[in-house]
C-alpha atoms as a PDB file:
ATOM      1  CA  MET A   1       0.000   0.000   0.000  1.00  0.00           C
ATOM      2  CA  ALA A   2       2.810   2.397   0.878  1.00  0.00           C
ATOM      3  CA  ARG A   3       4.314   1.778  -2.552  1.00  0.00           C
ATOM      4  CA  GLN A   4       0.941   2.515  -4.232  1.00  0.00           C
ATOM      5  CA  HIS A   5       0.649   5.855  -2.374  1.00  0.00           C
ATOM      6  CA  LEU A   6       4.205   6.757  -3.430  1.00  0.00           C
ATOM      7  CA  GLU A   7       3.409   5.993  -7.061  1.00  0.00           C
ATOM      8  CA  ARG A   8       0.227   8.168  -6.827  1.00  0.00           C
ATOM      9  CA  ALA A   9       2.304  11.021  -5.396  1.00  0.00           C
ATOM     10  CA  GLU A  10       4.678  10.762  -8.348  1.00  0.00           C
ATOM     11  CA  VAL A  11       1.687  10.941 -10.709  1.00  0.00           C
ATOM     12  CA  TYR A  12       0.845  14.510  -9.470  1.00  0.00           C
ATOM     13  CA  VAL A  13       4.375  15.872  -9.960  1.00  0.00           C
ATOM     14  CA  PRO A  14       3.396  17.960 -13.083  1.00  0.00           C
ATOM     15  CA  ARG A  15       1.197  20.422 -10.991  1.00  0.00           C
ATOM     16  CA  PRO A  16       4.052  21.769  -8.837  1.00  0.00           C
ATOM     17  CA  LEU A  17       6.253  21.670 -11.908  1.00  0.00           C
ATOM     18  CA  GLN A  18       3.866  24.047 -13.659  1.00  0.00           C
ATOM     19  CA  ALA A  19       3.964  26.333 -10.641  1.00  0.00           C
ATOM     20  CA  TRP A  20       7.745  26.363 -10.692  1.00  0.00           C
ATOM     21  CA  ARG A  21       7.774  27.114 -14.410  1.00  0.00           C
ATOM     22  CA  ALA A  22       5.355  30.007 -13.894  1.00  0.00           C
ATOM     23  CA  LEU A  23       7.527  31.339 -11.117  1.00  0.00           C
ATOM     24  CA  MET A  24      10.630  31.096 -13.291  1.00  0.00           C
ATOM     25  CA  ASN A  25       8.826  32.921 -16.098  1.00  0.00           C
ATOM     26  CA  TRP A  26       7.916  35.798 -13.737  1.00  0.00           C
ATOM     27  CA  LEU A  27      11.478  35.946 -12.472  1.00  0.00           C
ATOM     28  CA  ALA A  28      12.743  36.082 -16.059  1.00  0.00           C
ATOM     29  CA  PHE A  29      10.175  38.827 -16.813  1.00  0.00           C
ATOM     30  CA  PHE A  30      11.327  40.917 -13.899  1.00  0.00           C
ATOM     31  CA  PHE A  31      14.941  40.309 -14.856  1.00  0.00           C
ATOM     32  CA  GLN A  32      14.256  41.640 -18.381  1.00  0.00           C
ATOM     33  CA  ILE A  33      12.598  44.734 -16.944  1.00  0.00           C
ATOM     34  CA  PHE A  34      15.564  45.243 -14.656  1.00  0.00           C
ATOM     35  CA  LEU A  35      17.958  45.048 -17.603  1.00  0.00           C
ATOM     36  CA  GLN A  36      15.838  47.546 -19.570  1.00  0.00           C
ATOM     37  CA  ILE A  37      15.866  49.964 -16.651  1.00  0.00           C
ATOM     38  CA  LEU A  38      19.649  49.736 -16.476  1.00  0.00           C
ATOM     39  CA  ARG A  39      19.838  50.433 -20.203  1.00  0.00           C
ATOM     40  CA  GLY A  40      17.537  53.452 -19.731  1.00  0.00           C
ATOM     41  CA  THR A  41      14.975  52.369 -22.346  1.00  0.00           C
ATOM     42  CA  PRO A  42      11.625  52.396 -20.476  1.00  0.00           C
ATOM     43  CA  SER A  43      10.212  55.229 -18.420  1.00  0.00           C
ATOM     44  CA  LEU A  44       8.824  54.740 -14.942  1.00  0.00           C
ATOM     45  CA  ALA A  45       5.329  54.937 -16.359  1.00  0.00           C
ATOM     46  CA  GLN A  46       6.107  52.132 -18.822  1.00  0.00           C
ATOM     47  CA  VAL A  47       7.514  49.840 -16.134  1.00  0.00           C
ATOM     48  CA  LEU A  48       4.482  50.389 -13.911  1.00  0.00           C
ATOM     49  CA  SER A  49       2.163  49.776 -16.836  1.00  0.00           C
ATOM     50  CA  TYR A  50       3.904  46.445 -17.397  1.00  0.00           C
ATOM     51  CA  LEU A  51       2.880  45.546 -13.854  1.00  0.00           C
ATOM     52  CA  GLY A  52      -0.760  46.472 -14.425  1.00  0.00           C
ATOM     53  CA  PHE A  53      -1.007  49.910 -12.772  1.00  0.00           C
ATOM     54  CA  ARG A  54      -3.365  52.419 -14.376  1.00  0.00           C
ATOM     55  CA  HIS A  55      -3.012  56.124 -15.246  1.00  0.00           C
ATOM     56  CA  SER A  56      -4.705  57.290 -12.035  1.00  0.00           C
ATOM     57  CA  PHE A  57      -1.738  56.019 -10.056  1.00  0.00           C
ATOM     58  CA  LEU A  58       0.795  57.451 -12.504  1.00  0.00           C
ATOM     59  CA  SER A  59      -0.777  60.909 -12.429  1.00  0.00           C
ATOM     60  CA  SER A  60      -0.315  61.169  -8.672  1.00  0.00           C
ATOM     61  CA  ALA A  61       3.302  60.109  -9.008  1.00  0.00           C
ATOM     62  CA  SER A  62       4.052  62.555 -11.802  1.00  0.00           C
ATOM     63  CA  SER A  63       2.602  65.493  -9.887  1.00  0.00           C
ATOM     64  CA  SER A  64       5.606  65.683  -7.573  1.00  0.00           C
ATOM     65  CA  PRO A  65       7.660  68.879  -8.056  1.00  0.00           C
ATOM     66  CA  SER A  66      10.565  68.715 -10.468  1.00  0.00           C
ATOM     67  CA  PRO A  67      14.018  69.719  -9.228  1.00  0.00           C
ATOM     68  CA  PRO A  68      14.754  73.441  -9.558  1.00  0.00           C
ATOM     69  CA  PRO A  69      16.854  74.548 -12.559  1.00  0.00           C
ATOM     70  CA  ALA A  70      20.475  75.458 -12.109  1.00  0.00           C
ATOM     71  CA  ALA A  71      21.040  79.029 -10.939  1.00  0.00           C
ATOM     72  CA  GLU A  72      21.598  81.470 -13.772  1.00  0.00           C
ATOM     73  CA  ALA A  73      24.697  83.643 -13.923  1.00  0.00           C
ATOM     74  CA  VAL A  74      24.186  86.920 -12.130  1.00  0.00           C
ATOM     75  CA  SER A  75      23.804  89.736 -14.646  1.00  0.00           C
ATOM     76  CA  PHE A  76      22.446  93.222 -14.856  1.00  0.00           C
ATOM     77  CA  LYS A  77      19.079  93.616 -16.539  1.00  0.00           C
ATOM     78  CA  PRO A  78      17.596  96.926 -17.551  1.00  0.00           C
ATOM     79  CA  LEU A  79      14.267  97.842 -16.015  1.00  0.00           C
ATOM     80  CA  PRO A  80      11.464  96.140 -17.974  1.00  0.00           C
ATOM     81  CA  VAL A  81       8.792  96.413 -15.283  1.00  0.00           C
ATOM     82  CA  VAL A  82       8.387  97.727 -11.768  1.00  0.00           C
ATOM     83  CA  GLU A  83       9.264  95.010  -9.261  1.00  0.00           C
ATOM     84  CA  ILE A  84       9.514  96.316  -5.715  1.00  0.00           C
ATOM     85  CA  PRO A  85      11.201  93.624  -3.596  1.00  0.00           C
ATOM     86  CA  LEU A  86       9.340  92.471  -0.513  1.00  0.00           C
ATOM     87  CA  GLN A  87      12.523  92.109   1.501  1.00  0.00           C
ATOM     88  CA  ASP A  88      15.656  94.150   1.007  1.00  0.00           C
ATOM     89  CA  SER A  89      19.149  92.849   1.612  1.00  0.00           C
ATOM     90  CA  PHE A  90      22.696  94.110   1.358  1.00  0.00           C
ATOM     91  CA  PRO A  91      25.575  92.139  -0.147  1.00  0.00           C
ATOM     92  CA  PRO A  92      26.996  89.640   2.387  1.00  0.00           C
ATOM     93  CA  ASP A  93      29.921  91.942   3.213  1.00  0.00           C
ATOM     94  CA  HIS A  94      27.538  94.738   4.195  1.00  0.00           C
ATOM     95  CA  ILE A  95      25.148  92.927   6.511  1.00  0.00           C
ATOM     96  CA  SER A  96      25.567  94.258  10.006  1.00  0.00           C
ATOM     97  CA  SER A  97      26.874  91.943  12.722  1.00  0.00           C
ATOM     98  CA  SER A  98      23.606  92.323  14.591  1.00  0.00           C
ATOM     99  CA  GLY A  99      21.695  90.991  11.588  1.00  0.00           C
ATOM    100  CA  SER A 100      19.161  93.800  11.861  1.00  0.00           C
ATOM    101  CA  GLU A 101      16.922  94.420   8.866  1.00  0.00           C
ATOM    102  CA  VAL A 102      16.963  97.633   6.885  1.00  0.00           C
ATOM    103  CA  SER A 103      14.047  99.759   7.971  1.00  0.00           C
ATOM    104  CA  VAL A 104      11.597 101.514   5.700  1.00  0.00           C
ATOM    105  CA  VAL A 105      10.419 104.932   6.816  1.00  0.00           C
ATOM    106  CA  ASP A 106       6.690 105.523   6.441  1.00  0.00           C
ATOM    107  CA  ASP A 107       6.925 109.224   7.182  1.00  0.00           C
ATOM    108  CA  ASP A 108       9.211 110.608   4.481  1.00  0.00           C
ATOM    109  CA  LEU A 109       9.153 114.014   6.207  1.00  0.00           C
ATOM    110  CA  SER A 110      11.809 112.671   8.570  1.00  0.00           C
ATOM    111  CA  LEU A 111      14.195 112.115   5.660  1.00  0.00           C
ATOM    112  CA  ASP A 112      16.213 114.496   3.550  1.00  0.00           C
ATOM    113  CA  LYS A 113      15.135 114.673  -0.048  1.00  0.00           C
ATOM    114  CA  LEU A 114      16.415 111.933  -2.301  1.00  0.00           C
ATOM    115  CA  THR A 115      19.107 113.115  -4.722  1.00  0.00           C
ATOM    116  CA  VAL A 116      18.525 111.807  -8.246  1.00  0.00           C
ATOM    117  CA  VAL A 117      21.374 112.197 -10.725  1.00  0.00           C
ATOM    118  CA  LEU A 118      20.149 111.922 -14.319  1.00  0.00           C
ATOM    119  CA  ASP A 119      22.087 111.047 -17.440  1.00  0.00           C
ATOM    120  CA  LEU A 120      21.091 112.928 -20.606  1.00  0.00           C
ATOM    121  CA  ASP A 121      21.613 111.119 -23.928  1.00  0.00           C
ATOM    122  CA  GLU A 122      19.583 107.929 -24.393  1.00  0.00           C
ATOM    123  CA  THR A 123      18.154 108.398 -20.893  1.00  0.00           C
ATOM    124  CA  LEU A 124      16.115 111.614 -21.140  1.00  0.00           C
ATOM    125  CA  VAL A 125      16.517 112.365 -24.851  1.00  0.00           C
ATOM    126  CA  CYS A 126      18.091 111.040 -28.023  1.00  0.00           C
ATOM    127  CA  ALA A 127      19.913 113.335 -30.462  1.00  0.00           C
ATOM    128  CA  TYR A 128      20.971 112.939 -34.093  1.00  0.00           C
ATOM    129  CA  ASP A 129      22.998 114.964 -36.553  1.00  0.00           C
ATOM    130  CA  SER A 130      20.238 116.622 -38.551  1.00  0.00           C
ATOM    131  CA  THR A 131      22.083 116.183 -41.840  1.00  0.00           C
ATOM    132  CA  SER A 132      22.360 112.402 -41.449  1.00  0.00           C
ATOM    133  CA  LEU A 133      19.041 111.591 -39.782  1.00  0.00           C
ATOM    134  CA  PRO A 134      17.129 109.133 -42.055  1.00  0.00           C
ATOM    135  CA  GLU A 135      13.859 110.578 -43.310  1.00  0.00           C
ATOM    136  CA  ILE A 136      11.974 107.403 -42.409  1.00  0.00           C
ATOM    137  CA  VAL A 137      13.029 107.783 -38.753  1.00  0.00           C
ATOM    138  CA  ARG A 138      12.003 111.431 -38.781  1.00  0.00           C
ATOM    139  CA  ALA A 139       8.611 110.611 -40.336  1.00  0.00           C
ATOM    140  CA  GLN A 140       7.882 107.745 -37.897  1.00  0.00           C
ATOM    141  CA  ALA A 141       8.775 109.884 -34.883  1.00  0.00           C
ATOM    142  CA  ILE A 142       6.542 112.751 -36.021  1.00  0.00           C
ATOM    143  CA  GLU A 143       3.672 110.378 -36.802  1.00  0.00           C
ATOM    144  CA  ALA A 144       3.960 108.807 -33.331  1.00  0.00           C
ATOM    145  CA  GLY A 145       3.811 112.245 -31.703  1.00  0.00           C
ATOM    146  CA  LEU A 146       7.327 112.391 -30.260  1.00  0.00           C
ATOM    147  CA  LYS A 147       8.254 115.876 -29.097  1.00  0.00           C
ATOM    148  CA  TRP A 148      11.314 117.162 -30.909  1.00  0.00           C
ATOM    149  CA  PHE A 149      13.310 120.276 -31.631  1.00  0.00           C
ATOM    150  CA  GLU A 150      16.356 121.247 -33.619  1.00  0.00           C
ATOM    151  CA  LEU A 151      19.380 122.534 -31.778  1.00  0.00           C
ATOM    152  CA  GLU A 152      22.141 124.764 -33.076  1.00  0.00           C
ATOM    153  CA  CYS A 153      25.453 123.823 -31.516  1.00  0.00           C
ATOM    154  CA  VAL A 154      28.642 125.816 -31.800  1.00  0.00           C
ATOM    155  CA  SER A 155      31.522 123.434 -32.439  1.00  0.00           C
ATOM    156  CA  SER A 156      35.092 123.871 -31.278  1.00  0.00           C
ATOM    157  CA  ASP A 157      36.102 123.214 -34.888  1.00  0.00           C
ATOM    158  CA  LYS A 158      36.629 126.171 -37.219  1.00  0.00           C
ATOM    159  CA  GLU A 159      35.380 126.875 -40.717  1.00  0.00           C
ATOM    160  CA  CYS A 160      37.797 127.809 -43.500  1.00  0.00           C
ATOM    161  CA  ASP A 161      37.268 131.469 -42.738  1.00  0.00           C
ATOM    162  CA  GLY A 162      38.095 130.954 -39.076  1.00  0.00           C
ATOM    163  CA  LYS A 163      34.538 131.254 -37.834  1.00  0.00           C
ATOM    164  CA  PRO A 164      33.224 128.613 -35.385  1.00  0.00           C
ATOM    165  CA  LYS A 165      31.591 125.677 -37.112  1.00  0.00           C
ATOM    166  CA  ILE A 166      27.843 125.323 -36.511  1.00  0.00           C
ATOM    167  CA  ASN A 167      26.294 121.862 -36.149  1.00  0.00           C
ATOM    168  CA  TYR A 168      22.563 121.190 -36.257  1.00  0.00           C
ATOM    169  CA  VAL A 169      21.171 118.454 -34.027  1.00  0.00           C
ATOM    170  CA  THR A 170      17.655 116.998 -33.988  1.00  0.00           C
ATOM    171  CA  VAL A 171      16.625 116.104 -30.430  1.00  0.00           C
ATOM    172  CA  TYR A 172      13.723 113.826 -29.471  1.00  0.00           C
ATOM    173  CA  GLU A 173      12.368 113.906 -25.938  1.00  0.00           C
ATOM    174  CA  ARG A 174      11.654 110.589 -24.272  1.00  0.00           C
ATOM    175  CA  PRO A 175       7.868 110.173 -23.895  1.00  0.00           C
ATOM    176  CA  GLY A 176       6.627 111.627 -20.618  1.00  0.00           C
ATOM    177  CA  LEU A 177       9.811 113.634 -19.985  1.00  0.00           C
ATOM    178  CA  GLN A 178       8.120 116.809 -18.732  1.00  0.00           C
ATOM    179  CA  GLU A 179       5.719 114.890 -16.460  1.00  0.00           C
ATOM    180  CA  PHE A 180       8.662 112.817 -15.199  1.00  0.00           C
ATOM    181  CA  LEU A 181      10.750 115.848 -14.239  1.00  0.00           C
ATOM    182  CA  LYS A 182       7.770 117.523 -12.592  1.00  0.00           C
ATOM    183  CA  GLY A 183       6.816 114.406 -10.592  1.00  0.00           C
ATOM    184  CA  LEU A 184      10.422 113.758  -9.617  1.00  0.00           C
ATOM    185  CA  GLY A 185      10.891 117.322  -8.436  1.00  0.00           C
ATOM    186  CA  GLU A 186       8.162 116.854  -5.832  1.00  0.00           C
ATOM    187  CA  PHE A 187      10.256 114.469  -3.727  1.00  0.00           C
ATOM    188  CA  ALA A 188      13.847 114.662  -5.025  1.00  0.00           C
ATOM    189  CA  ASN A 189      16.692 117.044  -5.762  1.00  0.00           C
ATOM    190  CA  LEU A 190      17.619 116.751  -9.447  1.00  0.00           C
ATOM    191  CA  ILE A 191      21.150 116.861 -10.845  1.00  0.00           C
ATOM    192  CA  LEU A 192      22.056 116.394 -14.492  1.00  0.00           C
ATOM    193  CA  PHE A 193      25.341 114.541 -15.109  1.00  0.00           C
ATOM    194  CA  THR A 194      26.352 113.924 -18.712  1.00  0.00           C
ATOM    195  CA  ALA A 195      29.541 112.777 -20.375  1.00  0.00           C
ATOM    196  CA  GLY A 196      28.667 115.150 -23.222  1.00  0.00           C
ATOM    197  CA  LEU A 197      30.430 118.439 -23.808  1.00  0.00           C
ATOM    198  CA  GLU A 198      28.937 121.577 -22.300  1.00  0.00           C
ATOM    199  CA  ASP A 199      28.625 123.415 -25.647  1.00  0.00           C
ATOM    200  CA  TYR A 200      26.223 120.684 -26.748  1.00  0.00           C
ATOM    201  CA  ALA A 201      24.502 119.741 -23.479  1.00  0.00           C
ATOM    202  CA  ARG A 202      23.897 123.180 -21.942  1.00  0.00           C
ATOM    203  CA  PRO A 203      21.532 124.554 -24.640  1.00  0.00           C
ATOM    204  CA  LEU A 204      19.818 121.188 -24.837  1.00  0.00           C
ATOM    205  CA  VAL A 205      19.054 121.121 -21.101  1.00  0.00           C
ATOM    206  CA  ASP A 206      17.858 124.716 -21.324  1.00  0.00           C
ATOM    207  CA  ARG A 207      15.213 123.532 -23.778  1.00  0.00           C
ATOM    208  CA  ILE A 208      13.955 120.549 -21.775  1.00  0.00           C
ATOM    209  CA  ASP A 209      14.155 122.123 -18.294  1.00  0.00           C
ATOM    210  CA  THR A 210      12.157 125.290 -18.814  1.00  0.00           C
ATOM    211  CA  LYS A 211      10.879 125.216 -15.212  1.00  0.00           C
ATOM    212  CA  LYS A 212      14.409 125.049 -13.766  1.00  0.00           C
ATOM    213  CA  LEU A 213      13.768 121.821 -11.872  1.00  0.00           C
ATOM    214  CA  ILE A 214      17.376 120.655 -12.291  1.00  0.00           C
ATOM    215  CA  SER A 215      19.444 122.340  -9.608  1.00  0.00           C
ATOM    216  CA  GLN A 216      22.920 121.399 -10.837  1.00  0.00           C
ATOM    217  CA  ARG A 217      24.553 120.408 -14.120  1.00  0.00           C
ATOM    218  CA  LEU A 218      27.749 118.443 -14.601  1.00  0.00           C
ATOM    219  CA  TYR A 219      29.478 117.830 -17.942  1.00  0.00           C
ATOM    220  CA  ARG A 220      32.323 115.707 -19.288  1.00  0.00           C
ATOM    221  CA  PRO A 221      35.127 117.433 -17.321  1.00  0.00           C
ATOM    222  CA  SER A 222      33.416 116.266 -14.111  1.00  0.00           C
ATOM    223  CA  THR A 223      33.753 112.592 -15.072  1.00  0.00           C
ATOM    224  CA  VAL A 224      36.780 110.536 -14.078  1.00  0.00           C
ATOM    225  CA  SER A 225      38.917 107.967 -15.837  1.00  0.00           C
ATOM    226  CA  THR A 226      39.588 104.563 -14.283  1.00  0.00           C
ATOM    227  CA  GLU A 227      41.735 101.601 -15.216  1.00  0.00           C
ATOM    228  CA  TYR A 228      38.719  99.970 -16.852  1.00  0.00           C
ATOM    229  CA  ARG A 229      36.574 102.792 -18.282  1.00  0.00           C
ATOM    230  CA  GLU A 230      36.661 106.489 -19.098  1.00  0.00           C
ATOM    231  CA  HIS A 231      33.957 109.064 -18.309  1.00  0.00           C
ATOM    232  CA  VAL A 232      32.871 107.340 -15.089  1.00  0.00           C
ATOM    233  CA  LYS A 233      30.529 109.398 -12.904  1.00  0.00           C
ATOM    234  CA  ASP A 234      31.815 109.559  -9.333  1.00  0.00           C
ATOM    235  CA  LEU A 235      28.974 110.345  -6.924  1.00  0.00           C
ATOM    236  CA  SER A 236      31.269 110.892  -3.962  1.00  0.00           C
ATOM    237  CA  GLY A 237      31.901 114.434  -5.164  1.00  0.00           C
ATOM    238  CA  LEU A 238      28.192 115.202  -4.855  1.00  0.00           C
ATOM    239  CA  SER A 239      27.516 113.795  -1.407  1.00  0.00           C
ATOM    240  CA  LYS A 240      29.484 112.246   1.413  1.00  0.00           C
ATOM    241  CA  ASP A 241      26.404 110.241   2.368  1.00  0.00           C
ATOM    242  CA  LEU A 242      25.692 107.757  -0.427  1.00  0.00           C
ATOM    243  CA  SER A 243      22.616 106.290   1.258  1.00  0.00           C
ATOM    244  CA  ARG A 244      20.249 108.846  -0.321  1.00  0.00           C
ATOM    245  CA  ILE A 245      21.630 109.356  -3.827  1.00  0.00           C
ATOM    246  CA  VAL A 246      21.007 107.420  -7.061  1.00  0.00           C
ATOM    247  CA  LEU A 247      22.296 107.670 -10.618  1.00  0.00           C
ATOM    248  CA  VAL A 248      19.937 106.862 -13.514  1.00  0.00           C
ATOM    249  CA  ASP A 249      21.942 106.013 -16.625  1.00  0.00           C
ATOM    250  CA  ASN A 250      21.576 103.792 -19.676  1.00  0.00           C
ATOM    251  CA  ASN A 251      25.298 102.985 -19.482  1.00  0.00           C
ATOM    252  CA  PRO A 252      25.957 100.826 -16.376  1.00  0.00           C
ATOM    253  CA  PHE A 253      29.692 101.552 -16.514  1.00  0.00           C
ATOM    254  CA  SER A 254      28.865 105.151 -15.578  1.00  0.00           C
ATOM    255  CA  PHE A 255      28.383 104.060 -11.968  1.00  0.00           C
ATOM    256  CA  LEU A 256      31.342 101.697 -11.804  1.00  0.00           C
ATOM    257  CA  LEU A 257      32.647 103.441  -8.679  1.00  0.00           C
ATOM    258  CA  GLN A 258      29.306 103.213  -6.821  1.00  0.00           C
ATOM    259  CA  PRO A 259      27.456 100.201  -8.286  1.00  0.00           C
ATOM    260  CA  LEU A 260      25.011 100.043  -5.376  1.00  0.00           C
ATOM    261  CA  ASN A 261      23.700 103.499  -6.260  1.00  0.00           C
ATOM    262  CA  GLY A 262      23.045 102.903  -9.942  1.00  0.00           C
ATOM    263  CA  ILE A 263      19.775 102.370 -11.817  1.00  0.00           C
ATOM    264  CA  PRO A 264      20.499 101.032 -15.313  1.00  0.00           C
ATOM    265  CA  CYS A 265      17.668 102.027 -17.633  1.00  0.00           C
ATOM    266  CA  VAL A 266      16.715 100.921 -21.122  1.00  0.00           C
ATOM    267  CA  PRO A 267      18.360 103.133 -23.794  1.00  0.00           C
ATOM    268  CA  PHE A 268      15.983 105.398 -25.689  1.00  0.00           C
ATOM    269  CA  SER A 269      16.018 106.063 -29.440  1.00  0.00           C
ATOM    270  CA  ALA A 270      13.688 107.660 -31.981  1.00  0.00           C
ATOM    271  CA  GLY A 271      12.743 104.144 -33.077  1.00  0.00           C
ATOM    272  CA  GLN A 272      10.915 103.658 -29.747  1.00  0.00           C
ATOM    273  CA  PRO A 273       8.126 106.260 -29.965  1.00  0.00           C
ATOM    274  CA  HIS A 274       5.915 104.387 -27.499  1.00  0.00           C
ATOM    275  CA  ASP A 275       8.550 103.976 -24.778  1.00  0.00           C
ATOM    276  CA  ASP A 276       7.039 104.238 -21.262  1.00  0.00           C
ATOM    277  CA  GLN A 277      10.091 103.860 -19.020  1.00  0.00           C
ATOM    278  CA  LEU A 278      10.033 107.306 -17.424  1.00  0.00           C
ATOM    279  CA  LEU A 279       6.478 107.318 -16.074  1.00  0.00           C
ATOM    280  CA  GLU A 280       5.679 103.627 -15.754  1.00  0.00           C
ATOM    281  CA  VAL A 281       9.006 102.249 -14.523  1.00  0.00           C
ATOM    282  CA  LEU A 282      11.492 104.818 -13.267  1.00  0.00           C
ATOM    283  CA  LEU A 283       9.176 107.261 -11.486  1.00  0.00           C
ATOM    284  CA  PRO A 284       7.481 104.578  -9.302  1.00  0.00           C
ATOM    285  CA  LEU A 285      10.856 103.040  -8.435  1.00  0.00           C
ATOM    286  CA  LEU A 286      12.373 106.405  -7.509  1.00  0.00           C
ATOM    287  CA  LYS A 287       9.312 107.239  -5.407  1.00  0.00           C
ATOM    288  CA  HIS A 288       9.808 103.971  -3.525  1.00  0.00           C
ATOM    289  CA  LEU A 289      13.500 104.725  -3.029  1.00  0.00           C
ATOM    290  CA  SER A 290      12.657 108.159  -1.629  1.00  0.00           C
ATOM    291  CA  GLN A 291      10.970 106.382   1.288  1.00  0.00           C
ATOM    292  CA  GLN A 292      14.066 104.361   2.231  1.00  0.00           C
ATOM    293  CA  LYS A 293      16.680 105.386   4.749  1.00  0.00           C
ATOM    294  CA  ASP A 294      19.243 103.726   2.481  1.00  0.00           C
ATOM    295  CA  VAL A 295      18.632 103.096  -1.225  1.00  0.00           C
ATOM    296  CA  ARG A 296      21.539 100.679  -1.644  1.00  0.00           C
ATOM    297  CA  PRO A 297      19.938  97.500  -0.251  1.00  0.00           C
ATOM    298  CA  VAL A 298      16.966  97.872  -2.606  1.00  0.00           C
ATOM    299  CA  LEU A 299      19.151  98.506  -5.652  1.00  0.00           C
ATOM    300  CA  TYR A 300      21.481  95.644  -4.790  1.00  0.00           C
ATOM    301  CA  GLU A 301      18.544  93.274  -4.460  1.00  0.00           C
ATOM    302  CA  LYS A 302      17.196  94.385  -7.834  1.00  0.00           C
ATOM    303  CA  PHE A 303      20.327  94.539  -9.991  1.00  0.00           C
ATOM    304  CA  HIS A 304      23.281  92.807  -8.206  1.00  0.00           C
ATOM    305  CA  MET A 305      25.602  95.230  -9.952  1.00  0.00           C
ATOM    306  CA  PRO A 306      28.818  94.347  -8.036  1.00  0.00           C
ATOM    307  CA  GLU A 307      28.571  90.771  -9.326  1.00  0.00           C
ATOM    308  CA  TRP A 308      27.826  92.051 -12.823  1.00  0.00           C
ATOM    309  CA  PHE A 309      31.009  94.139 -12.818  1.00  0.00           C
ATOM    310  CA  GLN A 310      33.017  91.167 -11.586  1.00  0.00           C
ATOM    311  CA  MET A 311      31.659  89.106 -14.486  1.00  0.00           C
ATOM    312  CA  HIS A 312      33.019  91.796 -16.805  1.00  0.00           C
ATOM    313  CA  GLY A 313      36.510  91.460 -15.364  1.00  0.00           C
ATOM    314  CA  ILE A 314      36.403  94.277 -12.841  1.00  0.00           C
ATOM    315  CA  PRO A 315      37.501  92.878  -9.450  1.00  0.00           C
ATOM    316  CA  ALA A 316      35.522  93.733  -6.338  1.00  0.00           C
ATOM    317  CA  SER A 317      38.532  95.399  -4.702  1.00  0.00           C
ATOM    318  CA  THR A 318      38.336  98.256  -7.235  1.00  0.00           C
ATOM    319  CA  ILE A 319      34.621  98.853  -6.663  1.00  0.00           C
ATOM    320  CA  ASN A 320      33.824 101.375  -3.988  1.00  0.00           C
ATOM    321  CA  VAL A 321      30.862  99.763  -2.212  1.00  0.00           C
END
């Protein structure tokens, strides 16, 4: 009898054999998937779909946040829109040991007026030699309603008969210029600082500042030369306290010596008749700065100019911050 039972047990051997074969097939299947994963061929969604999971599960897995992109190189960007930072900060070397935050003064009556130093060409106006100005540019500017005037400039060059040479310049005002100067004069002292020559700039400023809102004018002889750039505008000669003075200029190298006091603006030309930088961008920013005890933290947070100069090969040790 024992032998008969043993023979019956041997008869049912194929059932466990089938189970083993099925198990080996699954193991082989998983091994193939593992090899494919190592080769990088299937996505996670494909592997899970092989195992029978549906899209509802995959959607919850794919909703996890992707890793943040690598940090971009620090660079100066002209003002496209008004972005007032919620929290101001100085460069690391200028944070006080106490870690105290920079305070914003609500009552601007307790502060001296902000000093705003304005560049001239491509910031407030754009000027062209009248004899070489393309007619299409002239026609487009007039059609768009740009304010313009022609200026007679006495050159240092001489005519054949020894008389001073006269140059004629067509000047276009940046849109909103008069409203900008008037609004700025309500809360700031205005200084004009241009790298242009006085014979050219003085009559031009006379035409755009009919209400005498600009209290001081500085021309090319007031600029300084450095190892890296000429015609740099040094603000230290205007004020010993740099916490309440800013320079608005389309050329960022103009404020190389005081990068934390500079506002780089978009250059203006007659081909931009609908430019809105003065009233929509610069005036609100300057109004905000007029309410700060120190403008430098806000401007550093917005432009990171010291890093921008370093990227252009100007070491930090030469920058007066």
